[in-house]
Protein backbone atom coordinates (compact mmCIF):
# COMPACT_ATOMS: atom_id res chain seq x y z
CA MET A 1 6.18 29.30 11.25
CA PRO A 2 9.37 31.04 10.12
CA VAL A 3 10.65 27.88 8.42
CA ALA A 4 7.44 27.64 6.38
CA ARG A 5 7.80 31.26 5.30
CA LEU A 6 11.43 30.62 4.31
CA PHE A 7 10.32 27.61 2.26
CA MET A 8 7.51 29.50 0.53
CA ASP A 9 9.58 32.59 -0.21
CA ASN A 10 12.51 30.72 -1.71
CA ASN A 11 13.02 28.75 -4.92
CA ASP A 12 16.51 27.51 -4.07
CA VAL A 13 16.38 23.72 -3.86
CA ILE A 14 18.95 23.57 -1.05
CA VAL A 15 16.94 25.97 1.10
CA ARG A 16 13.68 24.15 0.33
CA THR A 17 15.10 20.70 1.06
CA SER A 18 16.64 21.98 4.27
CA CYS A 19 13.28 23.37 5.37
CA LEU A 20 11.57 20.08 4.60
CA LYS A 21 14.20 18.22 6.61
CA VAL A 22 13.40 20.49 9.56
CA PHE A 23 9.70 19.70 9.18
CA VAL A 24 10.42 15.96 9.03
CA LYS A 25 12.37 16.22 12.30
CA ILE A 26 9.60 18.28 13.95
CA ALA A 27 6.91 15.84 12.77
CA ALA A 28 8.90 12.95 14.23
CA ILE A 29 8.75 14.63 17.64
CA GLU A 30 5.47 16.54 17.56
CA LYS A 31 2.24 14.58 17.24
CA TYR A 32 -0.23 16.82 15.45
CA ASP A 33 -3.96 16.33 16.02
CA LEU A 34 -4.61 18.73 13.18
CA PHE A 35 -2.47 19.65 10.21
CA PRO A 36 -1.18 23.20 10.84
CA LYS A 37 -2.33 25.42 7.96
CA THR A 38 1.17 26.62 7.11
CA LEU A 39 2.47 23.06 7.06
CA LEU A 40 -0.32 22.08 4.67
CA GLU A 41 0.73 24.95 2.39
CA VAL A 42 4.32 23.69 2.41
CA VAL A 43 3.17 20.15 1.65
CA ASN A 44 0.96 21.28 -1.23
CA LEU A 45 3.76 23.35 -2.75
CA SER A 46 6.15 20.43 -2.36
CA LEU A 47 3.78 18.03 -4.07
CA LYS A 48 3.73 20.30 -7.12
CA ASP A 49 7.53 20.33 -7.29
CA ASN A 50 9.07 17.77 -9.64
CA ASN A 51 12.47 17.79 -7.92
CA PRO A 52 13.19 14.22 -6.74
CA GLN A 53 14.66 15.40 -3.43
CA ILE A 54 11.57 17.48 -2.68
CA SER A 55 9.28 14.58 -3.63
CA LEU A 56 11.07 12.14 -1.33
CA LEU A 57 11.21 14.60 1.56
CA VAL A 58 7.53 15.51 1.36
CA VAL A 59 6.63 11.80 1.40
CA SER A 60 8.91 11.36 4.41
CA LEU A 61 7.14 14.27 6.10
CA LEU A 62 3.71 12.82 5.34
CA ARG A 63 4.89 9.45 6.67
CA GLN A 64 6.04 11.06 9.90
CA LEU A 65 2.61 12.67 10.23
CA GLY A 66 1.09 9.17 10.18
CA LYS A 67 -2.69 9.12 9.95
CA GLN A 68 -2.70 12.89 9.35
CA GLY A 69 -0.59 12.44 6.21
CA LEU A 70 -2.28 9.25 5.02
CA PRO A 71 -4.97 10.87 2.81
CA LEU A 72 -2.31 12.72 0.82
CA LEU A 73 -0.13 9.63 0.57
CA ILE A 74 -3.10 7.66 -0.74
CA LYS A 75 -3.83 10.36 -3.29
CA ASN A 76 -0.18 10.43 -4.39
CA SER A 77 0.02 6.66 -4.72
CA ARG A 78 -1.61 7.12 -8.13
CA ASP A 79 0.42 10.13 -9.22
CA LYS A 80 1.97 10.27 -12.71
CA ASN A 81 5.32 10.99 -11.05
CA ILE A 82 6.54 7.40 -10.56
CA LEU A 83 9.02 8.34 -7.83
CA LEU A 84 6.29 10.12 -5.84
CA ALA A 85 3.85 7.25 -6.35
CA LYS A 86 6.38 4.55 -5.36
CA ALA A 87 7.54 6.44 -2.28
CA SER A 88 3.94 7.09 -1.26
CA VAL A 89 3.05 3.41 -1.59
CA THR A 90 6.00 2.43 0.58
CA ALA A 91 5.01 5.01 3.22
CA ILE A 92 1.40 3.80 3.18
CA GLY A 93 2.58 0.28 4.00
CA GLU A 94 4.36 1.60 7.09
CA ILE A 95 1.29 3.29 8.60
CA GLY A 96 -0.77 0.95 10.74
CA ASP A 97 -4.26 1.97 9.75
CA PRO A 98 -7.05 -0.01 8.08
CA SER A 99 -7.24 2.58 5.29
CA SER A 100 -3.58 1.82 4.50
CA TRP A 101 -4.40 -1.84 3.99
CA ASN A 102 -7.51 -1.02 1.97
CA CYS A 103 -5.57 1.36 -0.28
CA LEU A 104 -2.82 -1.16 -0.92
CA ARG A 105 -5.35 -3.89 -1.73
CA ALA A 106 -7.14 -1.57 -4.18
CA LEU A 107 -3.83 -0.65 -5.81
CA GLU A 108 -2.92 -4.32 -6.08
CA GLU A 109 -6.00 -4.90 -8.23
CA ASP A 110 -5.47 -1.84 -10.44
CA SER A 111 -4.00 -3.16 -13.68
CA SER A 112 -3.48 0.36 -15.02
CA LEU A 113 -0.68 1.11 -12.52
CA ASP A 114 2.88 1.43 -13.73
CA GLU A 115 4.81 -1.82 -13.23
CA LEU A 116 7.30 -0.16 -10.86
CA VAL A 117 4.47 1.09 -8.67
CA ARG A 118 2.86 -2.36 -8.75
CA GLU A 119 6.13 -3.85 -7.46
CA SER A 120 6.08 -1.35 -4.59
CA VAL A 121 2.49 -2.29 -3.82
CA ALA A 122 3.42 -5.97 -3.52
CA TYR A 123 6.38 -5.12 -1.29
CA SER A 124 4.29 -2.75 0.86
CA LEU A 125 1.54 -5.34 1.34
CA GLU A 126 4.13 -7.79 2.65
CA SER A 127 5.69 -5.11 4.86
CA TYR A 128 2.30 -4.12 6.22
CA LYS A 129 1.53 -7.74 7.12
CA THR A 130 4.92 -8.12 8.82
CA ILE A 131 4.85 -4.83 10.69
CA HIS A 132 1.18 -4.76 11.65
CA HIS A 133 0.46 -8.52 11.83
CA ASN A 134 -2.61 -8.27 9.62
């Protein structure tokens, strides 16, 4: 994937965000049965980046990947980076999968979560119920 190589070989935030936007668009169209290895590398690099734009775009990408991205969203729902955690929680609530509901319920009962993340959990539980009629 030339876009993945461009992302990995460049530290410029504009280039990296542009590459992620391309991946979000591709993921919205292409339904992956398996995570392409190069895409997983891009996601992992993005998750280590503390730039807010990168964090939001990688969550958007994982959301577009649906069930394929869900395990990483669940993992990031407890991240120290509050923006990443909140965005991940919101994305989890939009994915119609029983593990989404189970994750949100577990987060709801976790008193150690940051208050801002807890607010997102409450919102996402309501959204999940509305969207997925659970």
